[in-house]
Amino acid sequence: MRRALLAVPAVFCILTLSLPARADGFDAAEKAMDSFTARIFSEQNIGLLFGLLRQNLAAAAEGRQAPEISPEAAARIEATSKEIQREMTTTAMLLLDGIEKELRDTVRDGSRP
């Protein structure tokens, strides 16, 4: 259940990326998502990810278990995971604000969504 709840912000982030740029109410969510991706996709994190992938691929090719993750890598993964969750929640809240604004504007203008 907890994993399903954590996936909700991810869905909102994906929706944020797919929304039309014309919606003024979504500018804050779009900016938050841009800032988020710039921080998460750092050279350090990309190096860590591909280093772990190489280690696991080499182990699988040799028929052995994947190596243990170093304490430093585990700490970095944990910190990045927490940052991702925090940023996705913030972006999801901004997206909800944008949706609410668009619906209110639509109702105020007398047209139906």
PDB file of N, CA and C in Angstrom:
ATOM      1  N   MET A   1       0.826  -1.196   0.000  1.00  0.00           N
ATOM      2  CA  MET A   1       0.000   0.000   0.000  1.00  0.00           C
ATOM      3  C   MET A   1       0.867   1.256   0.000  1.00  0.00           C
ATOM      4  N   ARG A   2       1.940   1.232   0.816  1.00  0.00           N
ATOM      5  CA  ARG A   2       2.815   2.398   0.900  1.00  0.00           C
ATOM      6  C   ARG A   2       3.454   2.695  -0.455  1.00  0.00           C
ATOM      7  N   ARG A   3       3.869   1.635  -1.168  1.00  0.00           N
ATOM      8  CA  ARG A   3       4.475   1.852  -2.482  1.00  0.00           C
ATOM      9  C   ARG A   3       3.469   2.462  -3.450  1.00  0.00           C
ATOM     10  N   ALA A   4       2.224   2.025  -3.355  1.00  0.00           N
ATOM     11  CA  ALA A   4       1.194   2.595  -4.227  1.00  0.00           C
ATOM     12  C   ALA A   4       1.012   4.075  -3.927  1.00  0.00           C
ATOM     13  N   LEU A   5       1.044   4.437  -2.658  1.00  0.00           N
ATOM     14  CA  LEU A   5       0.895   5.842  -2.284  1.00  0.00           C
ATOM     15  C   LEU A   5       2.090   6.662  -2.749  1.00  0.00           C
ATOM     16  N   LEU A   6       3.275   6.069  -2.730  1.00  0.00           N
ATOM     17  CA  LEU A   6       4.455   6.780  -3.194  1.00  0.00           C
ATOM     18  C   LEU A   6       4.443   6.950  -4.712  1.00  0.00           C
ATOM     19  N   ALA A   7       3.717   6.099  -5.401  1.00  0.00           N
ATOM     20  CA  ALA A   7       3.651   6.197  -6.860  1.00  0.00           C
ATOM     21  C   ALA A   7       2.754   7.344  -7.322  1.00  0.00           C
ATOM     22  N   VAL A   8       1.842   7.777  -6.468  1.00  0.00           N
ATOM     23  CA  VAL A   8       0.917   8.847  -6.844  1.00  0.00           C
ATOM     24  C   VAL A   8       1.657  10.119  -7.241  1.00  0.00           C
ATOM     25  N   PRO A   9       2.636  10.603  -6.441  1.00  0.00           N
ATOM     26  CA  PRO A   9       3.354  11.796  -6.888  1.00  0.00           C
ATOM     27  C   PRO A   9       4.073  11.589  -8.222  1.00  0.00           C
ATOM     28  N   ALA A  10       4.549  10.381  -8.461  1.00  0.00           N
ATOM     29  CA  ALA A  10       5.219  10.106  -9.735  1.00  0.00           C
ATOM     30  C   ALA A  10       4.264  10.290 -10.904  1.00  0.00           C
ATOM     31  N   VAL A  11       3.041   9.830 -10.732  1.00  0.00           N
ATOM     32  CA  VAL A  11       2.039   9.983 -11.789  1.00  0.00           C
ATOM     33  C   VAL A  11       1.771  11.463 -12.047  1.00  0.00           C
ATOM     34  N   PHE A  12       1.654  12.238 -10.987  1.00  0.00           N
ATOM     35  CA  PHE A  12       1.424  13.671 -11.157  1.00  0.00           C
ATOM     36  C   PHE A  12       2.603  14.345 -11.855  1.00  0.00           C
ATOM     37  N   CYS A  13       3.820  13.915 -11.546  1.00  0.00           N
ATOM     38  CA  CYS A  13       4.986  14.488 -12.221  1.00  0.00           C
ATOM     39  C   CYS A  13       4.971  14.167 -13.707  1.00  0.00           C
ATOM     40  N   ILE A  14       4.600  12.959 -14.042  1.00  0.00           N
ATOM     41  CA  ILE A  14       4.505  12.580 -15.451  1.00  0.00           C
ATOM     42  C   ILE A  14       3.431  13.405 -16.141  1.00  0.00           C
ATOM     43  N   LEU A  15       2.310  13.587 -15.464  1.00  0.00           N
ATOM     44  CA  LEU A  15       1.250  14.411 -16.038  1.00  0.00           C
ATOM     45  C   LEU A  15       1.712  15.846 -16.232  1.00  0.00           C
ATOM     46  N   THR A  16       2.506  16.338 -15.294  1.00  0.00           N
ATOM     47  CA  THR A  16       3.025  17.699 -15.401  1.00  0.00           C
ATOM     48  C   THR A  16       3.817  17.871 -16.686  1.00  0.00           C
ATOM     49  N   LEU A  17       4.621  16.881 -17.010  1.00  0.00           N
ATOM     50  CA  LEU A  17       5.440  16.960 -18.214  1.00  0.00           C
ATOM     51  C   LEU A  17       4.607  16.904 -19.486  1.00  0.00           C
ATOM     52  N   SER A  18       3.415  16.323 -19.402  1.00  0.00           N
ATOM     53  CA  SER A  18       2.600  16.152 -20.601  1.00  0.00           C
ATOM     54  C   SER A  18       1.552  17.250 -20.788  1.00  0.00           C
ATOM     55  N   LEU A  19       1.462  18.179 -19.852  1.00  0.00           N
ATOM     56  CA  LEU A  19       0.455  19.235 -19.950  1.00  0.00           C
ATOM     57  C   LEU A  19       0.861  20.293 -20.969  1.00  0.00           C
ATOM     58  N   PRO A  20      -0.116  20.915 -21.597  1.00  0.00           N
ATOM     59  CA  PRO A  20       0.210  21.978 -22.551  1.00  0.00           C
ATOM     60  C   PRO A  20       0.843  23.169 -21.835  1.00  0.00           C
ATOM     61  N   ALA A  21       1.768  23.823 -22.503  1.00  0.00           N
ATOM     62  CA  ALA A  21       2.501  24.936 -21.897  1.00  0.00           C
ATOM     63  C   ALA A  21       1.627  26.167 -21.698  1.00  0.00           C
ATOM     64  N   ARG A  22       0.486  26.260 -22.374  1.00  0.00           N
ATOM     65  CA  ARG A  22      -0.352  27.437 -22.323  1.00  0.00           C
ATOM     66  C   ARG A  22      -1.035  27.638 -20.973  1.00  0.00           C
ATOM     67  N   ALA A  23      -1.162  26.625 -20.171  1.00  0.00           N
ATOM     68  CA  ALA A  23      -1.902  26.718 -18.914  1.00  0.00           C
ATOM     69  C   ALA A  23      -1.066  27.448 -17.872  1.00  0.00           C
ATOM     70  N   ASP A  24      -1.428  28.704 -17.602  1.00  0.00           N
ATOM     71  CA  ASP A  24      -0.688  29.525 -16.652  1.00  0.00           C
ATOM     72  C   ASP A  24      -0.649  28.899 -15.266  1.00  0.00           C
ATOM     73  N   GLY A  25      -1.688  28.216 -14.879  1.00  0.00           N
ATOM     74  CA  GLY A  25      -1.749  27.609 -13.555  1.00  0.00           C
ATOM     75  C   GLY A  25      -0.741  26.505 -13.350  1.00  0.00           C
ATOM     76  N   PHE A  26      -0.131  26.038 -14.420  1.00  0.00           N
ATOM     77  CA  PHE A  26       0.798  24.919 -14.312  1.00  0.00           C
ATOM     78  C   PHE A  26       2.256  25.356 -14.394  1.00  0.00           C
ATOM     79  N   ASP A  27       2.505  26.647 -14.535  1.00  0.00           N
ATOM     80  CA  ASP A  27       3.876  27.134 -14.649  1.00  0.00           C
ATOM     81  C   ASP A  27       4.717  26.764 -13.434  1.00  0.00           C
ATOM     82  N   ALA A  28       4.169  26.906 -12.243  1.00  0.00           N
ATOM     83  CA  ALA A  28       4.926  26.615 -11.027  1.00  0.00           C
ATOM     84  C   ALA A  28       5.299  25.139 -10.965  1.00  0.00           C
ATOM     85  N   ALA A  29       4.381  24.258 -11.347  1.00  0.00           N
ATOM     86  CA  ALA A  29       4.675  22.827 -11.340  1.00  0.00           C
ATOM     87  C   ALA A  29       5.747  22.489 -12.366  1.00  0.00           C
ATOM     88  N   GLU A  30       5.671  23.120 -13.524  1.00  0.00           N
ATOM     89  CA  GLU A  30       6.665  22.875 -14.569  1.00  0.00           C
ATOM     90  C   GLU A  30       8.052  23.335 -14.118  1.00  0.00           C
ATOM     91  N   LYS A  31       8.128  24.495 -13.496  1.00  0.00           N
ATOM     92  CA  LYS A  31       9.409  25.005 -13.006  1.00  0.00           C
ATOM     93  C   LYS A  31       9.960  24.109 -11.898  1.00  0.00           C
ATOM     94  N   ALA A  32       9.077  23.641 -11.018  1.00  0.00           N
ATOM     95  CA  ALA A  32       9.516  22.743  -9.950  1.00  0.00           C
ATOM     96  C   ALA A  32      10.062  21.446 -10.527  1.00  0.00           C
ATOM     97  N   MET A  33       9.404  20.926 -11.563  1.00  0.00           N
ATOM     98  CA  MET A  33       9.859  19.687 -12.191  1.00  0.00           C
ATOM     99  C   MET A  33      11.206  19.882 -12.873  1.00  0.00           C
ATOM    100  N   ASP A  34      11.401  21.018 -13.536  1.00  0.00           N
ATOM    101  CA  ASP A  34      12.682  21.305 -14.182  1.00  0.00           C
ATOM    102  C   ASP A  34      13.808  21.378 -13.150  1.00  0.00           C
ATOM    103  N   SER A  35      13.545  22.062 -12.057  1.00  0.00           N
ATOM    104  CA  SER A  35      14.534  22.188 -10.992  1.00  0.00           C
ATOM    105  C   SER A  35      14.853  20.817 -10.388  1.00  0.00           C
ATOM    106  N   PHE A  36      13.834  20.029 -10.195  1.00  0.00           N
ATOM    107  CA  PHE A  36      13.965  18.684  -9.637  1.00  0.00           C
ATOM    108  C   PHE A  36      14.845  17.806 -10.523  1.00  0.00           C
ATOM    109  N   THR A  37      14.561  17.780 -11.814  1.00  0.00           N
ATOM    110  CA  THR A  37      15.332  16.917 -12.712  1.00  0.00           C
ATOM    111  C   THR A  37      16.785  17.375 -12.813  1.00  0.00           C
ATOM    112  N   ALA A  38      17.020  18.670 -12.734  1.00  0.00           N
ATOM    113  CA  ALA A  38      18.394  19.171 -12.784  1.00  0.00           C
ATOM    114  C   ALA A  38      19.189  18.697 -11.571  1.00  0.00           C
ATOM    115  N   ARG A  39      18.556  18.634 -10.410  1.00  0.00           N
ATOM    116  CA  ARG A  39      19.258  18.197  -9.202  1.00  0.00           C
ATOM    117  C   ARG A  39      19.412  16.677  -9.141  1.00  0.00           C
ATOM    118  N   ILE A  40      18.401  15.951  -9.531  1.00  0.00           N
ATOM    119  CA  ILE A  40      18.444  14.491  -9.433  1.00  0.00           C
ATOM    120  C   ILE A  40      19.387  13.889 -10.462  1.00  0.00           C
ATOM    121  N   PHE A  41      19.351  14.415 -11.679  1.00  0.00           N
ATOM    122  CA  PHE A  41      20.189  13.869 -12.733  1.00  0.00           C
ATOM    123  C   PHE A  41      21.544  14.572 -12.761  1.00  0.00           C
ATOM    124  N   SER A  42      22.240  14.480 -11.638  1.00  0.00           N
ATOM    125  CA  SER A  42      23.577  15.055 -11.535  1.00  0.00           C
ATOM    126  C   SER A  42      24.594  14.035 -12.055  1.00  0.00           C
ATOM    127  N   GLU A  43      25.796  14.502 -12.360  1.00  0.00           N
ATOM    128  CA  GLU A  43      26.837  13.587 -12.820  1.00  0.00           C
ATOM    129  C   GLU A  43      27.139  12.538 -11.767  1.00  0.00           C
ATOM    130  N   GLN A  44      27.104  12.935 -10.502  1.00  0.00           N
ATOM    131  CA  GLN A  44      27.387  11.993  -9.414  1.00  0.00           C
ATOM    132  C   GLN A  44      26.340  10.876  -9.389  1.00  0.00           C
ATOM    133  N   ASN A  45      25.068  11.235  -9.488  1.00  0.00           N
ATOM    134  CA  ASN A  45      24.009  10.219  -9.452  1.00  0.00           C
ATOM    135  C   ASN A  45      24.022   9.336 -10.694  1.00  0.00           C
ATOM    136  N   ILE A  46      24.307   9.927 -11.840  1.00  0.00           N
ATOM    137  CA  ILE A  46      24.377   9.135 -13.070  1.00  0.00           C
ATOM    138  C   ILE A  46      25.544   8.156 -12.989  1.00  0.00           C
ATOM    139  N   GLY A  47      26.682   8.624 -12.482  1.00  0.00           N
ATOM    140  CA  GLY A  47      27.842   7.739 -12.304  1.00  0.00           C
ATOM    141  C   GLY A  47      27.541   6.602 -11.352  1.00  0.00           C
ATOM    142  N   LEU A  48      26.858   6.918 -10.256  1.00  0.00           N
ATOM    143  CA  LEU A  48      26.483   5.891  -9.286  1.00  0.00           C
ATOM    144  C   LEU A  48      25.553   4.858  -9.921  1.00  0.00           C
ATOM    145  N   LEU A  49      24.544   5.325 -10.615  1.00  0.00           N
ATOM    146  CA  LEU A  49      23.580   4.427 -11.250  1.00  0.00           C
ATOM    147  C   LEU A  49      24.263   3.484 -12.236  1.00  0.00           C
ATOM    148  N   PHE A  50      25.058   4.045 -13.139  1.00  0.00           N
ATOM    149  CA  PHE A  50      25.683   3.203 -14.158  1.00  0.00           C
ATOM    150  C   PHE A  50      26.781   2.319 -13.576  1.00  0.00           C
ATOM    151  N   GLY A  51      27.451   2.779 -12.530  1.00  0.00           N
ATOM    152  CA  GLY A  51      28.421   1.927 -11.842  1.00  0.00           C
ATOM    153  C   GLY A  51      27.750   0.700 -11.238  1.00  0.00           C
ATOM    154  N   LEU A  52      26.611   0.916 -10.591  1.00  0.00           N
ATOM    155  CA  LEU A  52      25.859  -0.208 -10.009  1.00  0.00           C
ATOM    156  C   LEU A  52      25.330  -1.134 -11.093  1.00  0.00           C
ATOM    157  N   LEU A  53      24.856  -0.557 -12.191  1.00  0.00           N
ATOM    158  CA  LEU A  53      24.377  -1.394 -13.300  1.00  0.00           C
ATOM    159  C   LEU A  53      25.499  -2.254 -13.861  1.00  0.00           C
ATOM    160  N   ARG A  54      26.697  -1.679 -14.020  1.00  0.00           N
ATOM    161  CA  ARG A  54      27.836  -2.441 -14.536  1.00  0.00           C
ATOM    162  C   ARG A  54      28.217  -3.580 -13.588  1.00  0.00           C
ATOM    163  N   GLN A  55      28.258  -3.283 -12.278  1.00  0.00           N
ATOM    164  CA  GLN A  55      28.590  -4.317 -11.291  1.00  0.00           C
ATOM    165  C   GLN A  55      27.589  -5.462 -11.342  1.00  0.00           C
ATOM    166  N   ASN A  56      26.307  -5.117 -11.419  1.00  0.00           N
ATOM    167  CA  ASN A  56      25.276  -6.147 -11.434  1.00  0.00           C
ATOM    168  C   ASN A  56      25.280  -6.937 -12.736  1.00  0.00           C
ATOM    169  N   LEU A  57      25.541  -6.281 -13.841  1.00  0.00           N
ATOM    170  CA  LEU A  57      25.615  -6.965 -15.126  1.00  0.00           C
ATOM    171  C   LEU A  57      26.796  -7.927 -15.159  1.00  0.00           C
ATOM    172  N   ALA A  58      27.941  -7.482 -14.656  1.00  0.00           N
ATOM    173  CA  ALA A  58      29.125  -8.342 -14.615  1.00  0.00           C
ATOM    174  C   ALA A  58      28.871  -9.565 -13.730  1.00  0.00           C
ATOM    175  N   ALA A  59      28.235  -9.343 -12.582  1.00  0.00           N
ATOM    176  CA  ALA A  59      27.928 -10.462 -11.689  1.00  0.00           C
ATOM    177  C   ALA A  59      26.964 -11.432 -12.351  1.00  0.00           C
ATOM    178  N   ALA A  60      25.949 -10.918 -13.013  1.00  0.00           N
ATOM    179  CA  ALA A  60      24.981 -11.790 -13.689  1.00  0.00           C
ATOM    180  C   ALA A  60      25.647 -12.576 -14.813  1.00  0.00           C
ATOM    181  N   ALA A  61      26.546 -11.936 -15.558  1.00  0.00           N
ATOM    182  CA  ALA A  61      27.239 -12.611 -16.655  1.00  0.00           C
ATOM    183  C   ALA A  61      28.119 -13.747 -16.149  1.00  0.00           C
ATOM    184  N   GLU A  62      28.626 -13.602 -14.939  1.00  0.00           N
ATOM    185  CA  GLU A  62      29.484 -14.627 -14.343  1.00  0.00           C
ATOM    186  C   GLU A  62      28.693 -15.609 -13.490  1.00  0.00           C
ATOM    187  N   GLY A  63      27.388 -15.428 -13.425  1.00  0.00           N
ATOM    188  CA  GLY A  63      26.532 -16.343 -12.668  1.00  0.00           C
ATOM    189  C   GLY A  63      26.653 -16.226 -11.163  1.00  0.00           C
ATOM    190  N   ARG A  64      27.039 -15.076 -10.685  1.00  0.00           N
ATOM    191  CA  ARG A  64      27.146 -14.887  -9.234  1.00  0.00           C
ATOM    192  C   ARG A  64      26.165 -13.821  -8.758  1.00  0.00           C
ATOM    193  N   GLN A  65      26.021 -13.773  -7.454  1.00  0.00           N
ATOM    194  CA  GLN A  65      25.123 -12.796  -6.848  1.00  0.00           C
ATOM    195  C   GLN A  65      25.642 -11.384  -7.072  1.00  0.00           C
ATOM    196  N   ALA A  66      24.723 -10.445  -7.113  1.00  0.00           N
ATOM    197  CA  ALA A  66      25.110  -9.037  -7.225  1.00  0.00           C
ATOM    198  C   ALA A  66      25.896  -8.646  -5.980  1.00  0.00           C
ATOM    199  N   PRO A  67      26.934  -7.831  -6.151  1.00  0.00           N
ATOM    200  CA  PRO A  67      27.725  -7.416  -4.991  1.00  0.00           C
ATOM    201  C   PRO A  67      26.919  -6.518  -4.060  1.00  0.00           C
ATOM    202  N   GLU A  68      27.348  -6.507  -2.811  1.00  0.00           N
ATOM    203  CA  GLU A  68      26.722  -5.617  -1.840  1.00  0.00           C
ATOM    204  C   GLU A  68      27.008  -4.169  -2.224  1.00  0.00           C
ATOM    205  N   ILE A  69      26.048  -3.326  -1.967  1.00  0.00           N
ATOM    206  CA  ILE A  69      26.230  -1.899  -2.223  1.00  0.00           C
ATOM    207  C   ILE A  69      27.036  -1.313  -1.073  1.00  0.00           C
ATOM    208  N   SER A  70      28.007  -0.487  -1.402  1.00  0.00           N
ATOM    209  CA  SER A  70      28.839   0.124  -0.364  1.00  0.00           C
ATOM    210  C   SER A  70      27.986   1.021   0.524  1.00  0.00           C
ATOM    211  N   PRO A  71      28.415   1.209   1.764  1.00  0.00           N
ATOM    212  CA  PRO A  71      27.662   2.112   2.652  1.00  0.00           C
ATOM    213  C   PRO A  71      27.526   3.528   2.081  1.00  0.00           C
ATOM    214  N   GLU A  72      28.559   4.004   1.385  1.00  0.00           N
ATOM    215  CA  GLU A  72      28.506   5.340   0.785  1.00  0.00           C
ATOM    216  C   GLU A  72      27.447   5.389  -0.317  1.00  0.00           C
ATOM    217  N   ALA A  73      27.430   4.358  -1.165  1.00  0.00           N
ATOM    218  CA  ALA A  73      26.439   4.317  -2.245  1.00  0.00           C
ATOM    219  C   ALA A  73      25.035   4.173  -1.670  1.00  0.00           C
ATOM    220  N   ALA A  74      24.884   3.336  -0.647  1.00  0.00           N
ATOM    221  CA  ALA A  74      23.572   3.156  -0.021  1.00  0.00           C
ATOM    222  C   ALA A  74      23.077   4.465   0.585  1.00  0.00           C
ATOM    223  N   ALA A  75      23.979   5.209   1.208  1.00  0.00           N
ATOM    224  CA  ALA A  75      23.599   6.499   1.801  1.00  0.00           C
ATOM    225  C   ALA A  75      23.192   7.485   0.713  1.00  0.00           C
ATOM    226  N   ARG A  76      23.915   7.483  -0.410  1.00  0.00           N
ATOM    227  CA  ARG A  76      23.579   8.395  -1.517  1.00  0.00           C
ATOM    228  C   ARG A  76      22.234   8.037  -2.134  1.00  0.00           C
ATOM    229  N   ILE A  77      22.000   6.736  -2.292  1.00  0.00           N
ATOM    230  CA  ILE A  77      20.722   6.272  -2.841  1.00  0.00           C
ATOM    231  C   ILE A  77      19.580   6.659  -1.909  1.00  0.00           C
ATOM    232  N   GLU A  78      19.782   6.472  -0.620  1.00  0.00           N
ATOM    233  CA  GLU A  78      18.750   6.828   0.365  1.00  0.00           C
ATOM    234  C   GLU A  78      18.460   8.331   0.343  1.00  0.00           C
ATOM    235  N   ALA A  79      19.518   9.143   0.304  1.00  0.00           N
ATOM    236  CA  ALA A  79      19.334  10.594   0.276  1.00  0.00           C
ATOM    237  C   ALA A  79      18.619  11.025  -1.005  1.00  0.00           C
ATOM    238  N   THR A  80      19.004  10.437  -2.118  1.00  0.00           N
ATOM    239  CA  THR A  80      18.367  10.774  -3.392  1.00  0.00           C
ATOM    240  C   THR A  80      16.911  10.334  -3.395  1.00  0.00           C
ATOM    241  N   SER A  81      16.624   9.164  -2.845  1.00  0.00           N
ATOM    242  CA  SER A  81      15.242   8.677  -2.772  1.00  0.00           C
ATOM    243  C   SER A  81      14.360   9.616  -1.962  1.00  0.00           C
ATOM    244  N   LYS A  82      14.892  10.091  -0.850  1.00  0.00           N
ATOM    245  CA  LYS A  82      14.128  11.025  -0.019  1.00  0.00           C
ATOM    246  C   LYS A  82      13.918  12.354  -0.750  1.00  0.00           C
ATOM    247  N   GLU A  83      14.931  12.802  -1.463  1.00  0.00           N
ATOM    248  CA  GLU A  83      14.795  14.050  -2.220  1.00  0.00           C
ATOM    249  C   GLU A  83      13.773  13.886  -3.340  1.00  0.00           C
ATOM    250  N   ILE A  84      13.802  12.739  -4.010  1.00  0.00           N
ATOM    251  CA  ILE A  84      12.828  12.480  -5.064  1.00  0.00           C
ATOM    252  C   ILE A  84      11.415  12.503  -4.498  1.00  0.00           C
ATOM    253  N   GLN A  85      11.207  11.831  -3.383  1.00  0.00           N
ATOM    254  CA  GLN A  85       9.872  11.799  -2.777  1.00  0.00           C
ATOM    255  C   GLN A  85       9.416  13.205  -2.386  1.00  0.00           C
ATOM    256  N   ARG A  86      10.295  13.966  -1.775  1.00  0.00           N
ATOM    257  CA  ARG A  86       9.963  15.331  -1.345  1.00  0.00           C
ATOM    258  C   ARG A  86       9.638  16.213  -2.554  1.00  0.00           C
ATOM    259  N   GLU A  87      10.463  16.149  -3.571  1.00  0.00           N
ATOM    260  CA  GLU A  87      10.259  16.978  -4.757  1.00  0.00           C
ATOM    261  C   GLU A  87       9.017  16.573  -5.537  1.00  0.00           C
ATOM    262  N   MET A  88       8.764  15.283  -5.612  1.00  0.00           N
ATOM    263  CA  MET A  88       7.580  14.817  -6.334  1.00  0.00           C
ATOM    264  C   MET A  88       6.312  15.234  -5.606  1.00  0.00           C
ATOM    265  N   THR A  89       6.351  15.210  -4.291  1.00  0.00           N
ATOM    266  CA  THR A  89       5.191  15.650  -3.517  1.00  0.00           C
ATOM    267  C   THR A  89       4.943  17.142  -3.738  1.00  0.00           C
ATOM    268  N   THR A  90       6.017  17.933  -3.699  1.00  0.00           N
ATOM    269  CA  THR A  90       5.890  19.370  -3.938  1.00  0.00           C
ATOM    270  C   THR A  90       5.326  19.637  -5.329  1.00  0.00           C
ATOM    271  N   THR A  91       5.856  18.947  -6.327  1.00  0.00           N
ATOM    272  CA  THR A  91       5.387  19.129  -7.697  1.00  0.00           C
ATOM    273  C   THR A  91       3.936  18.703  -7.841  1.00  0.00           C
ATOM    274  N   ALA A  92       3.557  17.603  -7.191  1.00  0.00           N
ATOM    275  CA  ALA A  92       2.167  17.144  -7.245  1.00  0.00           C
ATOM    276  C   ALA A  92       1.233  18.172  -6.623  1.00  0.00           C
ATOM    277  N   MET A  93       1.647  18.786  -5.518  1.00  0.00           N
ATOM    278  CA  MET A  93       0.824  19.823  -4.886  1.00  0.00           C
ATOM    279  C   MET A  93       0.668  21.030  -5.813  1.00  0.00           C
ATOM    280  N   LEU A  94       1.753  21.420  -6.466  1.00  0.00           N
ATOM    281  CA  LEU A  94       1.682  22.540  -7.406  1.00  0.00           C
ATOM    282  C   LEU A  94       0.791  22.193  -8.599  1.00  0.00           C
ATOM    283  N   LEU A  95       0.866  20.958  -9.035  1.00  0.00           N
ATOM    284  CA  LEU A  95       0.009  20.513 -10.130  1.00  0.00           C
ATOM    285  C   LEU A  95      -1.458  20.563  -9.716  1.00  0.00           C
ATOM    286  N   LEU A  96      -1.755  20.111  -8.505  1.00  0.00           N
ATOM    287  CA  LEU A  96      -3.135  20.192  -8.009  1.00  0.00           C
ATOM    288  C   LEU A  96      -3.604  21.642  -7.939  1.00  0.00           C
ATOM    289  N   ASP A  97      -2.714  22.531  -7.502  1.00  0.00           N
ATOM    290  CA  ASP A  97      -3.059  23.955  -7.479  1.00  0.00           C
ATOM    291  C   ASP A  97      -3.410  24.445  -8.881  1.00  0.00           C
ATOM    292  N   GLY A  98      -2.631  24.016  -9.871  1.00  0.00           N
ATOM    293  CA  GLY A  98      -2.893  24.409 -11.254  1.00  0.00           C
ATOM    294  C   GLY A  98      -4.211  23.873 -11.774  1.00  0.00           C
ATOM    295  N   ILE A  99      -4.490  22.610 -11.450  1.00  0.00           N
ATOM    296  CA  ILE A  99      -5.761  22.006 -11.870  1.00  0.00           C
ATOM    297  C   ILE A  99      -6.925  22.743 -11.226  1.00  0.00           C
ATOM    298  N   GLU A 100      -6.799  23.029  -9.927  1.00  0.00           N
ATOM    299  CA  GLU A 100      -7.860  23.749  -9.225  1.00  0.00           C
ATOM    300  C   GLU A 100      -8.082  25.123  -9.849  1.00  0.00           C
ATOM    301  N   LYS A 101      -7.003  25.841 -10.140  1.00  0.00           N
ATOM    302  CA  LYS A 101      -7.118  27.165 -10.746  1.00  0.00           C
ATOM    303  C   LYS A 101      -7.814  27.093 -12.103  1.00  0.00           C
ATOM    304  N   GLU A 102      -7.421  26.130 -12.925  1.00  0.00           N
ATOM    305  CA  GLU A 102      -8.034  25.976 -14.246  1.00  0.00           C
ATOM    306  C   GLU A 102      -9.527  25.673 -14.125  1.00  0.00           C
ATOM    307  N   LEU A 103      -9.897  24.796 -13.191  1.00  0.00           N
ATOM    308  CA  LEU A 103     -11.313  24.465 -13.011  1.00  0.00           C
ATOM    309  C   LEU A 103     -12.100  25.661 -12.488  1.00  0.00           C
ATOM    310  N   ARG A 104     -11.511  26.378 -11.540  1.00  0.00           N
ATOM    311  CA  ARG A 104     -12.192  27.571 -11.018  1.00  0.00           C
ATOM    312  C   ARG A 104     -12.378  28.613 -12.112  1.00  0.00           C
ATOM    313  N   ASP A 105     -11.339  28.819 -12.923  1.00  0.00           N
ATOM    314  CA  ASP A 105     -11.443  29.777 -14.027  1.00  0.00           C
ATOM    315  C   ASP A 105     -12.508  29.351 -15.017  1.00  0.00           C
ATOM    316  N   THR A 106     -12.582  28.059 -15.294  1.00  0.00           N
ATOM    317  CA  THR A 106     -13.578  27.539 -16.226  1.00  0.00           C
ATOM    318  C   THR A 106     -14.988  27.763 -15.685  1.00  0.00           C
ATOM    319  N   VAL A 107     -15.177  27.482 -14.402  1.00  0.00           N
ATOM    320  CA  VAL A 107     -16.501  27.674 -13.780  1.00  0.00           C
ATOM    321  C   VAL A 107     -16.843  29.169 -13.727  1.00  0.00           C
ATOM    322  N   ARG A 108     -15.856  29.970 -13.396  1.00  0.00           N
ATOM    323  CA  ARG A 108     -16.068  31.409 -13.316  1.00  0.00           C
ATOM    324  C   ARG A 108     -16.447  31.985 -14.685  1.00  0.00           C
ATOM    325  N   ASP A 109     -15.860  31.475 -15.734  1.00  0.00           N
ATOM    326  CA  ASP A 109     -16.152  31.950 -17.089  1.00  0.00           C
ATOM    327  C   ASP A 109     -17.480  31.420 -17.625  1.00  0.00           C
ATOM    328  N   GLY A 110     -18.096  30.511 -16.897  1.00  0.00           N
ATOM    329  CA  GLY A 110     -19.402  29.994 -17.276  1.00  0.00           C
ATOM    330  C   GLY A 110     -19.360  28.839 -18.270  1.00  0.00           C
ATOM    331  N   SER A 111     -18.184  28.363 -18.599  1.00  0.00           N
ATOM    332  CA  SER A 111     -18.112  27.213 -19.497  1.00  0.00           C
ATOM    333  C   SER A 111     -17.853  25.958 -18.668  1.00  0.00           C
ATOM    334  N   ARG A 112     -18.145  24.840 -19.252  1.00  0.00           N
ATOM    335  CA  ARG A 112     -17.966  23.566 -18.558  1.00  0.00           C
ATOM    336  C   ARG A 112     -16.634  22.962 -18.952  1.00  0.00           C
ATOM    337  N   PRO A 113     -15.994  22.228 -18.009  1.00  0.00           N
ATOM    338  CA  PRO A 113     -14.715  21.570 -18.329  1.00  0.00           C
ATOM    339  C   PRO A 113     -14.899  20.454 -19.329  1.00  0.00           C
TER     340      PRO A 113
END
